[in-house]
PDB file of N, CA and C in Angstrom:
ATOM      1  N   MET A   1      27.584  83.116  35.991  1.00  0.00           N
ATOM      2  CA  MET A   1      26.532  84.524  35.139  1.00  0.00           C
ATOM      3  C   MET A   1      27.270  85.136  33.991  1.00  0.00           C
ATOM      4  N   THR A   2      25.824  84.809  32.899  1.00  0.00           N
ATOM      5  CA  THR A   2      26.099  86.183  32.005  1.00  0.00           C
ATOM      6  C   THR A   2      26.136  86.968  32.467  1.00  0.00           C
ATOM      7  N   SER A   3      26.268  88.144  30.899  1.00  0.00           N
ATOM      8  CA  SER A   3      26.494  89.557  31.265  1.00  0.00           C
ATOM      9  C   SER A   3      24.951  90.317  31.170  1.00  0.00           C
ATOM     10  N   THR A   4      23.896  88.886  30.671  1.00  0.00           N
ATOM     11  CA  THR A   4      22.845  89.408  31.027  1.00  0.00           C
ATOM     12  C   THR A   4      22.082  89.724  32.231  1.00  0.00           C
ATOM     13  N   GLU A   5      22.243  88.003  32.880  1.00  0.00           N
ATOM     14  CA  GLU A   5      22.028  87.953  34.113  1.00  0.00           C
ATOM     15  C   GLU A   5      22.565  89.073  35.183  1.00  0.00           C
ATOM     16  N   ALA A   6      23.799  89.401  35.723  1.00  0.00           N
ATOM     17  CA  ALA A   6      23.930  89.803  35.862  1.00  0.00           C
ATOM     18  C   ALA A   6      24.128  91.474  36.038  1.00  0.00           C
ATOM     19  N   CYS A   7      23.585  92.022  34.441  1.00  0.00           N
ATOM     20  CA  CYS A   7      22.987  93.305  34.627  1.00  0.00           C
ATOM     21  C   CYS A   7      21.297  93.328  35.657  1.00  0.00           C
ATOM     22  N   ALA A   8      20.280  91.854  35.595  1.00  0.00           N
ATOM     23  CA  ALA A   8      18.924  91.616  36.157  1.00  0.00           C
ATOM     24  C   ALA A   8      19.478  91.672  37.203  1.00  0.00           C
ATOM     25  N   VAL A   9      20.866  90.970  37.855  1.00  0.00           N
ATOM     26  CA  VAL A   9      20.152  91.186  38.797  1.00  0.00           C
ATOM     27  C   VAL A   9      20.538  92.546  40.233  1.00  0.00           C
ATOM     28  N   LEU A  10      21.635  93.064  39.169  1.00  0.00           N
ATOM     29  CA  LEU A  10      22.324  94.557  39.719  1.00  0.00           C
ATOM     30  C   LEU A  10      21.339  95.340  39.138  1.00  0.00           C
ATOM     31  N   LYS A  11      20.485  95.150  38.526  1.00  0.00           N
ATOM     32  CA  LYS A  11      19.464  96.471  37.572  1.00  0.00           C
ATOM     33  C   LYS A  11      19.840  97.897  36.765  1.00  0.00           C
ATOM     34  N   ILE A  12      21.080  97.543  36.087  1.00  0.00           N
ATOM     35  CA  ILE A  12      21.743  98.103  35.467  1.00  0.00           C
ATOM     36  C   ILE A  12      21.629  97.780  33.958  1.00  0.00           C
ATOM     37  N   ASP A  13      22.035  98.435  33.558  1.00  0.00           N
ATOM     38  CA  ASP A  13      21.838  98.871  31.940  1.00  0.00           C
ATOM     39  C   ASP A  13      23.818  97.436  31.701  1.00  0.00           C
ATOM     40  N   ARG A  14      23.285  97.467  30.267  1.00  0.00           N
ATOM     41  CA  ARG A  14      25.154  96.437  29.974  1.00  0.00           C
ATOM     42  C   ARG A  14      25.729  97.780  29.380  1.00  0.00           C
ATOM     43  N   SER A  15      26.039  98.897  28.814  1.00  0.00           N
ATOM     44  CA  SER A  15      26.602  99.438  28.794  1.00  0.00           C
ATOM     45  C   SER A  15      27.882 100.595  30.870  1.00  0.00           C
ATOM     46  N   THR A  16      26.537 100.099  32.067  1.00  0.00           N
ATOM     47  CA  THR A  16      27.266 100.114  33.099  1.00  0.00           C
ATOM     48  C   THR A  16      27.792  99.376  33.383  1.00  0.00           C
ATOM     49  N   LEU A  17      27.378  97.945  32.601  1.00  0.00           N
ATOM     50  CA  LEU A  17      27.896  96.779  33.622  1.00  0.00           C
ATOM     51  C   LEU A  17      29.276  96.703  33.144  1.00  0.00           C
ATOM     52  N   VAL A  18      30.064  97.035  31.643  1.00  0.00           N
ATOM     53  CA  VAL A  18      30.517  97.273  30.431  1.00  0.00           C
ATOM     54  C   VAL A  18      31.930  98.757  31.324  1.00  0.00           C
ATOM     55  N   ARG A  19      31.308  99.563  31.808  1.00  0.00           N
ATOM     56  CA  ARG A  19      32.116 100.293  32.430  1.00  0.00           C
ATOM     57  C   ARG A  19      32.365  99.874  33.854  1.00  0.00           C
ATOM     58  N   TRP A  20      31.650  99.651  34.831  1.00  0.00           N
ATOM     59  CA  TRP A  20      31.831  98.761  36.115  1.00  0.00           C
ATOM     60  C   TRP A  20      33.613  98.289  35.667  1.00  0.00           C
ATOM     61  N   VAL A  21      33.334  97.171  35.180  1.00  0.00           N
ATOM     62  CA  VAL A  21      34.473  96.265  34.369  1.00  0.00           C
ATOM     63  C   VAL A  21      35.595  96.845  34.062  1.00  0.00           C
ATOM     64  N   ARG A  22      35.645  97.814  33.551  1.00  0.00           N
ATOM     65  CA  ARG A  22      36.427  99.036  32.920  1.00  0.00           C
ATOM     66  C   ARG A  22      37.148  99.730  34.139  1.00  0.00           C
ATOM     67  N   ALA A  23      36.514 100.110  34.803  1.00  0.00           N
ATOM     68  CA  ALA A  23      36.808 101.263  36.136  1.00  0.00           C
ATOM     69  C   ALA A  23      37.558  99.624  37.276  1.00  0.00           C
ATOM     70  N   GLY A  24      37.038  98.356  37.051  1.00  0.00           N
ATOM     71  CA  GLY A  24      37.265  97.383  38.219  1.00  0.00           C
ATOM     72  C   GLY A  24      36.142  97.107  39.268  1.00  0.00           C
ATOM     73  N   ARG A  25      35.127  97.888  39.012  1.00  0.00           N
ATOM     74  CA  ARG A  25      34.136  97.667  40.007  1.00  0.00           C
ATOM     75  C   ARG A  25      33.951  96.620  39.499  1.00  0.00           C
ATOM     76  N   ILE A  26      33.917  96.132  38.974  1.00  0.00           N
ATOM     77  CA  ILE A  26      33.109  93.884  39.277  1.00  0.00           C
ATOM     78  C   ILE A  26      34.559  93.061  38.789  1.00  0.00           C
ATOM     79  N   ALA A  27      35.081  91.766  38.391  1.00  0.00           N
ATOM     80  CA  ALA A  27      35.843  92.037  37.806  1.00  0.00           C
ATOM     81  C   ALA A  27      35.278  90.215  36.831  1.00  0.00           C
ATOM     82  N   PRO A  28      35.474  90.031  35.835  1.00  0.00           N
ATOM     83  CA  PRO A  28      34.608  89.184  35.103  1.00  0.00           C
ATOM     84  C   PRO A  28      36.102  87.645  35.232  1.00  0.00           C
ATOM     85  N   THR A  29      35.144  86.503  35.730  1.00  0.00           N
ATOM     86  CA  THR A  29      35.160  85.810  35.897  1.00  0.00           C
ATOM     87  C   THR A  29      36.555  84.975  34.476  1.00  0.00           C
ATOM     88  N   TYR A  30      35.725  85.806  33.664  1.00  0.00           N
ATOM     89  CA  TYR A  30      36.079  84.608  32.571  1.00  0.00           C
ATOM     90  C   TYR A  30      35.366  85.609  31.302  1.00  0.00           C
ATOM     91  N   LYS A  31      36.431  85.883  30.198  1.00  0.00           N
ATOM     92  CA  LYS A  31      36.279  86.694  28.872  1.00  0.00           C
ATOM     93  C   LYS A  31      36.287  85.587  28.071  1.00  0.00           C
ATOM     94  N   TYR A  32      35.319  85.398  27.000  1.00  0.00           N
ATOM     95  CA  TYR A  32      35.885  84.803  26.129  1.00  0.00           C
ATOM     96  C   TYR A  32      36.619  85.106  25.108  1.00  0.00           C
ATOM     97  N   PRO A  33      37.817  84.944  24.670  1.00  0.00           N
ATOM     98  CA  PRO A  33      38.692  85.556  23.312  1.00  0.00           C
ATOM     99  C   PRO A  33      38.287  86.734  22.137  1.00  0.00           C
ATOM    100  N   ARG A  34      38.381  87.726  21.768  1.00  0.00           N
ATOM    101  CA  ARG A  34      38.095  88.499  21.115  1.00  0.00           C
ATOM    102  C   ARG A  34      37.632  89.951  21.446  1.00  0.00           C
ATOM    103  N   SER A  35      37.656  90.411  20.735  1.00  0.00           N
ATOM    104  CA  SER A  35      37.551  92.250  21.612  1.00  0.00           C
ATOM    105  C   SER A  35      36.066  92.385  22.048  1.00  0.00           C
ATOM    106  N   ASN A  36      35.097  91.626  21.298  1.00  0.00           N
ATOM    107  CA  ASN A  36      34.177  91.368  21.843  1.00  0.00           C
ATOM    108  C   ASN A  36      33.110  90.167  22.416  1.00  0.00           C
ATOM    109  N   GLY A  37      34.248  89.693  22.786  1.00  0.00           N
ATOM    110  CA  GLY A  37      34.080  88.119  23.647  1.00  0.00           C
ATOM    111  C   GLY A  37      33.064  88.750  24.397  1.00  0.00           C
ATOM    112  N   ALA A  38      32.393  88.203  25.374  1.00  0.00           N
ATOM    113  CA  ALA A  38      31.830  87.936  25.682  1.00  0.00           C
ATOM    114  C   ALA A  38      31.995  88.309  27.901  1.00  0.00           C
ATOM    115  N   TYR A  39      31.845  88.255  28.577  1.00  0.00           N
ATOM    116  CA  TYR A  39      31.963  88.412  29.827  1.00  0.00           C
ATOM    117  C   TYR A  39      31.124  86.936  30.830  1.00  0.00           C
ATOM    118  N   LEU A  40      31.784  86.414  32.367  1.00  0.00           N
ATOM    119  CA  LEU A  40      30.866  85.203  32.197  1.00  0.00           C
ATOM    120  C   LEU A  40      31.884  86.361  33.675  1.00  0.00           C
ATOM    121  N   PHE A  41      30.574  85.752  34.582  1.00  0.00           N
ATOM    122  CA  PHE A  41      30.846  86.747  36.455  1.00  0.00           C
ATOM    123  C   PHE A  41      30.524  85.767  37.353  1.00  0.00           C
ATOM    124  N   ASP A  42      31.357  86.024  39.033  1.00  0.00           N
ATOM    125  CA  ASP A  42      31.209  85.176  39.183  1.00  0.00           C
ATOM    126  C   ASP A  42      29.657  85.451  40.633  1.00  0.00           C
ATOM    127  N   ARG A  43      28.340  84.463  40.149  1.00  0.00           N
ATOM    128  CA  ARG A  43      26.997  85.087  40.941  1.00  0.00           C
ATOM    129  C   ARG A  43      27.268  85.368  42.311  1.00  0.00           C
ATOM    130  N   VAL A  44      28.052  84.632  43.355  1.00  0.00           N
ATOM    131  CA  VAL A  44      28.038  85.202  44.411  1.00  0.00           C
ATOM    132  C   VAL A  44      28.589  86.891  44.474  1.00  0.00           C
ATOM    133  N   ALA A  45      29.831  87.138  43.810  1.00  0.00           N
ATOM    134  CA  ALA A  45      30.394  88.494  43.593  1.00  0.00           C
ATOM    135  C   ALA A  45      29.325  89.464  43.214  1.00  0.00           C
ATOM    136  N   VAL A  46      28.649  88.897  42.283  1.00  0.00           N
ATOM    137  CA  VAL A  46      27.010  90.004  41.694  1.00  0.00           C
ATOM    138  C   VAL A  46      26.511  90.403  42.906  1.00  0.00           C
ATOM    139  N   GLU A  47      25.839  89.023  42.961  1.00  0.00           N
ATOM    140  CA  GLU A  47      25.172  88.815  44.616  1.00  0.00           C
ATOM    141  C   GLU A  47      25.721  90.181  45.021  1.00  0.00           C
ATOM    142  N   ALA A  48      26.238  90.264  45.953  1.00  0.00           N
ATOM    143  CA  ALA A  48      27.342  90.790  46.993  1.00  0.00           C
ATOM    144  C   ALA A  48      27.119  92.438  46.384  1.00  0.00           C
ATOM    145  N   LEU A  49      27.352  91.820  44.968  1.00  0.00           N
ATOM    146  CA  LEU A  49      27.459  94.005  44.387  1.00  0.00           C
ATOM    147  C   LEU A  49      25.806  94.486  44.646  1.00  0.00           C
ATOM    148  N   ALA A  50      25.064  93.647  44.079  1.00  0.00           N
ATOM    149  CA  ALA A  50      23.604  94.043  44.700  1.00  0.00           C
ATOM    150  C   ALA A  50      23.596  94.604  46.241  1.00  0.00           C
ATOM    151  N   ALA A  51      23.406  93.551  46.820  1.00  0.00           N
ATOM    152  CA  ALA A  51      23.529  93.853  48.384  1.00  0.00           C
ATOM    153  C   ALA A  51      24.175  94.855  48.925  1.00  0.00           C
ATOM    154  N   GLU A  52      24.829  95.199  48.560  1.00  0.00           N
ATOM    155  CA  GLU A  52      26.293  96.473  48.777  1.00  0.00           C
ATOM    156  C   GLU A  52      25.711  97.605  48.384  1.00  0.00           C
ATOM    157  N   ARG A  53      25.449  97.864  46.843  1.00  0.00           N
ATOM    158  CA  ARG A  53      24.312  98.533  46.438  1.00  0.00           C
ATOM    159  C   ARG A  53      22.936  99.125  46.967  1.00  0.00           C
ATOM    160  N   ARG A  54      22.377  98.073  47.380  1.00  0.00           N
ATOM    161  CA  ARG A  54      21.001  98.029  48.286  1.00  0.00           C
ATOM    162  C   ARG A  54      20.990  99.019  49.199  1.00  0.00           C
ATOM    163  N   ALA A  55      22.220  98.861  50.243  1.00  0.00           N
ATOM    164  CA  ALA A  55      22.280  99.200  51.217  1.00  0.00           C
ATOM    165  C   ALA A  55      22.788 100.459  50.997  1.00  0.00           C
ATOM    166  N   SER A  56      22.917 101.043  50.407  1.00  0.00           N
ATOM    167  CA  SER A  56      24.071 101.896  50.151  1.00  0.00           C
ATOM    168  C   SER A  56      23.141 103.632  49.927  1.00  0.00           C
TER     169      SER A  56
END
């Protein structure tokens, strides 16, 4: 899933998603080359994090 899709599922801003990646809270399954390359995320991992956020 793309960063945009992950942000929609998690109900967060893209800058928050980038901070979470840097902090290790969520790991992308792939990052396109270059410093500004897009991230791709595992749908199951994103949905699990969203469920965790809803539960807390």
